[in-house]
Amino acid sequence: MAGDESTDMSLELDRDCPECGEEKTFYRAAAMKVHLGTKAKWHCPDCEYGFVRIANGDVAVDTNAA
């Protein structure tokens, strides 16, 4: 994964888009604090592919990791 989201609620995240097949700058569509950490929804501006990521400190889990 290129780039990484920190828990500072950044608005952009650079990573590979599986639909476009290249690295894209994803934008944060929504975010909220949950008991596990910060939940954020990220979307590709070109194809609208999106995923959800929950980050807490140095630990992050997202729906794109399969």
PDB file of N, CA and C in Angstrom:
ATOM      1  N   MET A   1       0.848  -1.164   0.000  1.00  0.00           N
ATOM      2  CA  MET A   1       0.000   0.000   0.000  1.00  0.00           C
ATOM      3  C   MET A   1       0.891   1.223   0.000  1.00  0.00           C
ATOM      4  N   ALA A   2       0.677   2.126  -0.913  1.00  0.00           N
ATOM      5  CA  ALA A   2       1.434   3.366  -0.975  1.00  0.00           C
ATOM      6  C   ALA A   2       0.816   4.384  -0.049  1.00  0.00           C
ATOM      7  N   GLY A   3       1.607   5.029   0.748  1.00  0.00           N
ATOM      8  CA  GLY A   3       1.068   6.009   1.686  1.00  0.00           C
ATOM      9  C   GLY A   3       0.268   5.334   2.770  1.00  0.00           C
ATOM     10  N   ASP A   4      -0.072   6.061   3.786  1.00  0.00           N
ATOM     11  CA  ASP A   4      -0.841   5.476   4.866  1.00  0.00           C
ATOM     12  C   ASP A   4      -1.599   6.571   5.577  1.00  0.00           C
ATOM     13  N   GLU A   5      -2.733   6.221   6.087  1.00  0.00           N
ATOM     14  CA  GLU A   5      -3.561   7.168   6.817  1.00  0.00           C
ATOM     15  C   GLU A   5      -3.117   7.182   8.266  1.00  0.00           C
ATOM     16  N   SER A   6      -2.938   8.350   8.827  1.00  0.00           N
ATOM     17  CA  SER A   6      -2.686   8.443  10.254  1.00  0.00           C
ATOM     18  C   SER A   6      -4.009   8.759  10.930  1.00  0.00           C
ATOM     19  N   THR A   7      -4.000   8.764  12.230  1.00  0.00           N
ATOM     20  CA  THR A   7      -5.241   9.027  12.949  1.00  0.00           C
ATOM     21  C   THR A   7      -5.521  10.525  13.070  1.00  0.00           C
ATOM     22  N   ASP A   8      -4.810  11.371  12.320  1.00  0.00           N
ATOM     23  CA  ASP A   8      -5.017  12.813  12.391  1.00  0.00           C
ATOM     24  C   ASP A   8      -6.181  13.286  11.528  1.00  0.00           C
ATOM     25  N   MET A   9      -6.977  12.340  11.019  1.00  0.00           N
ATOM     26  CA  MET A   9      -8.161  12.661  10.221  1.00  0.00           C
ATOM     27  C   MET A   9      -7.786  13.360   8.916  1.00  0.00           C
ATOM     28  N   SER A  10      -6.744  12.867   8.240  1.00  0.00           N
ATOM     29  CA  SER A  10      -6.348  13.438   6.965  1.00  0.00           C
ATOM     30  C   SER A  10      -7.483  13.299   5.953  1.00  0.00           C
ATOM     31  N   LEU A  11      -7.464  14.146   4.944  1.00  0.00           N
ATOM     32  CA  LEU A  11      -8.528  14.164   3.945  1.00  0.00           C
ATOM     33  C   LEU A  11      -8.196  13.365   2.695  1.00  0.00           C
ATOM     34  N   GLU A  12      -6.920  12.994   2.510  1.00  0.00           N
ATOM     35  CA  GLU A  12      -6.501  12.255   1.331  1.00  0.00           C
ATOM     36  C   GLU A  12      -5.614  11.091   1.734  1.00  0.00           C
ATOM     37  N   LEU A  13      -5.648  10.036   0.900  1.00  0.00           N
ATOM     38  CA  LEU A  13      -4.872   8.825   1.154  1.00  0.00           C
ATOM     39  C   LEU A  13      -4.409   8.265  -0.178  1.00  0.00           C
ATOM     40  N   ASP A  14      -3.110   8.136  -0.393  1.00  0.00           N
ATOM     41  CA  ASP A  14      -2.570   7.576  -1.619  1.00  0.00           C
ATOM     42  C   ASP A  14      -2.441   6.065  -1.475  1.00  0.00           C
ATOM     43  N   ARG A  15      -3.072   5.327  -2.406  1.00  0.00           N
ATOM     44  CA  ARG A  15      -2.977   3.862  -2.405  1.00  0.00           C
ATOM     45  C   ARG A  15      -3.440   3.324  -3.747  1.00  0.00           C
ATOM     46  N   ASP A  16      -3.183   2.051  -3.983  1.00  0.00           N
ATOM     47  CA  ASP A  16      -3.581   1.420  -5.240  1.00  0.00           C
ATOM     48  C   ASP A  16      -5.092   1.205  -5.268  1.00  0.00           C
ATOM     49  N   CYS A  17      -5.697   1.536  -6.403  1.00  0.00           N
ATOM     50  CA  CYS A  17      -7.124   1.317  -6.601  1.00  0.00           C
ATOM     51  C   CYS A  17      -7.297   0.026  -7.410  1.00  0.00           C
ATOM     52  N   PRO A  18      -7.986  -0.978  -6.864  1.00  0.00           N
ATOM     53  CA  PRO A  18      -8.148  -2.234  -7.600  1.00  0.00           C
ATOM     54  C   PRO A  18      -9.020  -2.104  -8.855  1.00  0.00           C
ATOM     55  N   GLU A  19      -9.889  -1.128  -8.917  1.00  0.00           N
ATOM     56  CA  GLU A  19     -10.742  -0.925 -10.098  1.00  0.00           C
ATOM     57  C   GLU A  19      -9.990  -0.210 -11.215  1.00  0.00           C
ATOM     58  N   CYS A  20      -9.210   0.813 -10.876  1.00  0.00           N
ATOM     59  CA  CYS A  20      -8.460   1.585 -11.874  1.00  0.00           C
ATOM     60  C   CYS A  20      -7.152   0.895 -12.261  1.00  0.00           C
ATOM     61  N   GLY A  21      -6.612   0.088 -11.348  1.00  0.00           N
ATOM     62  CA  GLY A  21      -5.379  -0.616 -11.621  1.00  0.00           C
ATOM     63  C   GLY A  21      -4.123   0.213 -11.471  1.00  0.00           C
ATOM     64  N   GLU A  22      -4.206   1.327 -10.759  1.00  0.00           N
ATOM     65  CA  GLU A  22      -3.038   2.180 -10.534  1.00  0.00           C
ATOM     66  C   GLU A  22      -3.196   2.944  -9.230  1.00  0.00           C
ATOM     67  N   GLU A  23      -2.120   3.596  -8.803  1.00  0.00           N
ATOM     68  CA  GLU A  23      -2.171   4.367  -7.572  1.00  0.00           C
ATOM     69  C   GLU A  23      -3.013   5.617  -7.778  1.00  0.00           C
ATOM     70  N   LYS A  24      -3.894   5.877  -6.818  1.00  0.00           N
ATOM     71  CA  LYS A  24      -4.782   7.040  -6.857  1.00  0.00           C
ATOM     72  C   LYS A  24      -4.759   7.741  -5.511  1.00  0.00           C
ATOM     73  N   THR A  25      -5.179   8.970  -5.488  1.00  0.00           N
ATOM     74  CA  THR A  25      -5.366   9.697  -4.241  1.00  0.00           C
ATOM     75  C   THR A  25      -6.829   9.598  -3.870  1.00  0.00           C
ATOM     76  N   PHE A  26      -7.134   8.783  -2.862  1.00  0.00           N
ATOM     77  CA  PHE A  26      -8.499   8.613  -2.384  1.00  0.00           C
ATOM     78  C   PHE A  26      -8.882   9.799  -1.512  1.00  0.00           C
ATOM     79  N   TYR A  27     -10.162  10.142  -1.495  1.00  0.00           N
ATOM     80  CA  TYR A  27     -10.633  11.197  -0.609  1.00  0.00           C
ATOM     81  C   TYR A  27     -11.501  10.597   0.484  1.00  0.00           C
ATOM     82  N   ARG A  28     -11.457  11.219   1.654  1.00  0.00           N
ATOM     83  CA  ARG A  28     -12.248  10.741   2.786  1.00  0.00           C
ATOM     84  C   ARG A  28     -13.670  11.254   2.638  1.00  0.00           C
ATOM     85  N   ALA A  29     -14.618  10.340   2.486  1.00  0.00           N
ATOM     86  CA  ALA A  29     -16.018  10.704   2.298  1.00  0.00           C
ATOM     87  C   ALA A  29     -16.734  10.908   3.624  1.00  0.00           C
ATOM     88  N   ALA A  30     -16.294  10.213   4.674  1.00  0.00           N
ATOM     89  CA  ALA A  30     -16.928  10.327   5.989  1.00  0.00           C
ATOM     90  C   ALA A  30     -15.976   9.768   7.033  1.00  0.00           C
ATOM     91  N   ALA A  31     -16.128  10.215   8.264  1.00  0.00           N
ATOM     92  CA  ALA A  31     -15.320   9.689   9.365  1.00  0.00           C
ATOM     93  C   ALA A  31     -16.050   9.918  10.676  1.00  0.00           C
ATOM     94  N   MET A  32     -15.821   8.979  11.604  1.00  0.00           N
ATOM     95  CA  MET A  32     -16.388   9.128  12.936  1.00  0.00           C
ATOM     96  C   MET A  32     -15.586   8.287  13.913  1.00  0.00           C
ATOM     97  N   LYS A  33     -15.597   8.686  15.164  1.00  0.00           N
ATOM     98  CA  LYS A  33     -14.934   7.926  16.219  1.00  0.00           C
ATOM     99  C   LYS A  33     -15.872   6.816  16.675  1.00  0.00           C
ATOM    100  N   VAL A  34     -15.336   5.596  16.771  1.00  0.00           N
ATOM    101  CA  VAL A  34     -16.064   4.455  17.305  1.00  0.00           C
ATOM    102  C   VAL A  34     -15.196   3.846  18.399  1.00  0.00           C
ATOM    103  N   HIS A  35     -15.734   2.898  19.137  1.00  0.00           N
ATOM    104  CA  HIS A  35     -14.989   2.355  20.270  1.00  0.00           C
ATOM    105  C   HIS A  35     -13.698   1.642  19.851  1.00  0.00           C
ATOM    106  N   LEU A  36     -13.571   1.224  18.606  1.00  0.00           N
ATOM    107  CA  LEU A  36     -12.363   0.562  18.120  1.00  0.00           C
ATOM    108  C   LEU A  36     -11.310   1.526  17.593  1.00  0.00           C
ATOM    109  N   GLY A  37     -11.693   2.770  17.341  1.00  0.00           N
ATOM    110  CA  GLY A  37     -10.779   3.770  16.783  1.00  0.00           C
ATOM    111  C   GLY A  37     -11.546   4.727  15.893  1.00  0.00           C
ATOM    112  N   THR A  38     -10.887   5.220  14.856  1.00  0.00           N
ATOM    113  CA  THR A  38     -11.521   6.138  13.907  1.00  0.00           C
ATOM    114  C   THR A  38     -11.935   5.369  12.661  1.00  0.00           C
ATOM    115  N   LYS A  39     -13.223   5.396  12.359  1.00  0.00           N
ATOM    116  CA  LYS A  39     -13.771   4.733  11.174  1.00  0.00           C
ATOM    117  C   LYS A  39     -13.856   5.773  10.061  1.00  0.00           C
ATOM    118  N   ALA A  40     -13.267   5.463   8.909  1.00  0.00           N
ATOM    119  CA  ALA A  40     -13.294   6.394   7.785  1.00  0.00           C
ATOM    120  C   ALA A  40     -13.696   5.660   6.516  1.00  0.00           C
ATOM    121  N   LYS A  41     -14.500   6.322   5.685  1.00  0.00           N
ATOM    122  CA  LYS A  41     -14.879   5.805   4.375  1.00  0.00           C
ATOM    123  C   LYS A  41     -14.056   6.550   3.335  1.00  0.00           C
ATOM    124  N   TRP A  42     -13.363   5.798   2.474  1.00  0.00           N
ATOM    125  CA  TRP A  42     -12.491   6.363   1.454  1.00  0.00           C
ATOM    126  C   TRP A  42     -13.026   6.014   0.068  1.00  0.00           C
ATOM    127  N   HIS A  43     -12.935   6.969  -0.872  1.00  0.00           N
ATOM    128  CA  HIS A  43     -13.423   6.761  -2.241  1.00  0.00           C
ATOM    129  C   HIS A  43     -12.402   7.229  -3.263  1.00  0.00           C
ATOM    130  N   CYS A  44     -12.324   6.466  -4.374  1.00  0.00           N
ATOM    131  CA  CYS A  44     -11.493   6.857  -5.515  1.00  0.00           C
ATOM    132  C   CYS A  44     -12.268   7.905  -6.317  1.00  0.00           C
ATOM    133  N   PRO A  45     -11.642   9.014  -6.668  1.00  0.00           N
ATOM    134  CA  PRO A  45     -12.364  10.065  -7.404  1.00  0.00           C
ATOM    135  C   PRO A  45     -12.667   9.707  -8.857  1.00  0.00           C
ATOM    136  N   ASP A  46     -11.978   8.705  -9.410  1.00  0.00           N
ATOM    137  CA  ASP A  46     -12.169   8.371 -10.821  1.00  0.00           C
ATOM    138  C   ASP A  46     -13.229   7.298 -11.057  1.00  0.00           C
ATOM    139  N   CYS A  47     -13.299   6.294 -10.179  1.00  0.00           N
ATOM    140  CA  CYS A  47     -14.230   5.196 -10.429  1.00  0.00           C
ATOM    141  C   CYS A  47     -15.246   5.002  -9.299  1.00  0.00           C
ATOM    142  N   GLU A  48     -15.139   5.758  -8.242  1.00  0.00           N
ATOM    143  CA  GLU A  48     -16.028   5.669  -7.077  1.00  0.00           C
ATOM    144  C   GLU A  48     -15.884   4.362  -6.300  1.00  0.00           C
ATOM    145  N   TYR A  49     -14.769   3.614  -6.524  1.00  0.00           N
ATOM    146  CA  TYR A  49     -14.475   2.476  -5.660  1.00  0.00           C
ATOM    147  C   TYR A  49     -14.258   3.008  -4.253  1.00  0.00           C
ATOM    148  N   GLY A  50     -14.783   2.322  -3.262  1.00  0.00           N
ATOM    149  CA  GLY A  50     -14.624   2.779  -1.891  1.00  0.00           C
ATOM    150  C   GLY A  50     -14.357   1.644  -0.931  1.00  0.00           C
ATOM    151  N   PHE A  51     -13.804   1.994   0.216  1.00  0.00           N
ATOM    152  CA  PHE A  51     -13.575   1.022   1.273  1.00  0.00           C
ATOM    153  C   PHE A  51     -13.669   1.722   2.619  1.00  0.00           C
ATOM    154  N   VAL A  52     -13.830   0.939   3.671  1.00  0.00           N
ATOM    155  CA  VAL A  52     -13.930   1.444   5.030  1.00  0.00           C
ATOM    156  C   VAL A  52     -12.677   1.022   5.779  1.00  0.00           C
ATOM    157  N   ARG A  53     -12.137   1.933   6.573  1.00  0.00           N
ATOM    158  CA  ARG A  53     -10.939   1.656   7.354  1.00  0.00           C
ATOM    159  C   ARG A  53     -11.156   2.096   8.791  1.00  0.00           C
ATOM    160  N   ILE A  54     -10.757   1.237   9.734  1.00  0.00           N
ATOM    161  CA  ILE A  54     -10.793   1.588  11.150  1.00  0.00           C
ATOM    162  C   ILE A  54      -9.358   1.595  11.646  1.00  0.00           C
ATOM    163  N   ALA A  55      -8.915   2.728  12.162  1.00  0.00           N
ATOM    164  CA  ALA A  55      -7.538   2.892  12.622  1.00  0.00           C
ATOM    165  C   ALA A  55      -7.519   3.313  14.082  1.00  0.00           C
ATOM    166  N   ASN A  56      -6.574   2.726  14.817  1.00  0.00           N
ATOM    167  CA  ASN A  56      -6.382   3.071  16.217  1.00  0.00           C
ATOM    168  C   ASN A  56      -4.887   3.052  16.482  1.00  0.00           C
ATOM    169  N   GLY A  57      -4.276   4.223  16.480  1.00  0.00           N
ATOM    170  CA  GLY A  57      -2.823   4.302  16.642  1.00  0.00           C
ATOM    171  C   GLY A  57      -2.125   3.720  15.433  1.00  0.00           C
ATOM    172  N   ASP A  58      -1.227   2.753  15.663  1.00  0.00           N
ATOM    173  CA  ASP A  58      -0.468   2.138  14.575  1.00  0.00           C
ATOM    174  C   ASP A  58      -1.179   0.951  13.948  1.00  0.00           C
ATOM    175  N   VAL A  59      -2.349   0.592  14.454  1.00  0.00           N
ATOM    176  CA  VAL A  59      -3.096  -0.560  13.963  1.00  0.00           C
ATOM    177  C   VAL A  59      -4.255  -0.084  13.087  1.00  0.00           C
ATOM    178  N   ALA A  60      -4.370  -0.671  11.883  1.00  0.00           N
ATOM    179  CA  ALA A  60      -5.471  -0.307  10.983  1.00  0.00           C
ATOM    180  C   ALA A  60      -5.991  -1.562  10.276  1.00  0.00           C
ATOM    181  N   VAL A  61      -7.303  -1.621  10.127  1.00  0.00           N
ATOM    182  CA  VAL A  61      -7.964  -2.711   9.405  1.00  0.00           C
ATOM    183  C   VAL A  61      -8.908  -2.071   8.405  1.00  0.00           C
ATOM    184  N   ASP A  62      -8.873  -2.568   7.141  1.00  0.00           N
ATOM    185  CA  ASP A  62      -9.816  -2.015   6.166  1.00  0.00           C
ATOM    186  C   ASP A  62     -10.454  -3.110   5.337  1.00  0.00           C
ATOM    187  N   THR A  63     -11.565  -2.780   4.692  1.00  0.00           N
ATOM    188  CA  THR A  63     -12.320  -3.741   3.892  1.00  0.00           C
ATOM    189  C   THR A  63     -11.625  -4.056   2.581  1.00  0.00           C
ATOM    190  N   ASN A  64     -10.575  -3.319   2.228  1.00  0.00           N
ATOM    191  CA  ASN A  64      -9.828  -3.565   1.005  1.00  0.00           C
ATOM    192  C   ASN A  64      -8.810  -4.685   1.195  1.00  0.00           C
ATOM    193  N   ALA A  65      -8.434  -4.990   2.418  1.00  0.00           N
ATOM    194  CA  ALA A  65      -7.448  -6.037   2.696  1.00  0.00           C
ATOM    195  C   ALA A  65      -8.123  -7.396   2.705  1.00  0.00           C
ATOM    196  N   ALA A  66      -7.935  -8.141   1.639  1.00  0.00           N
ATOM    197  CA  ALA A  66      -8.560  -9.472   1.554  1.00  0.00           C
ATOM    198  C   ALA A  66      -7.522 -10.531   1.304  1.00  0.00           C
TER     199      ALA A  66
END
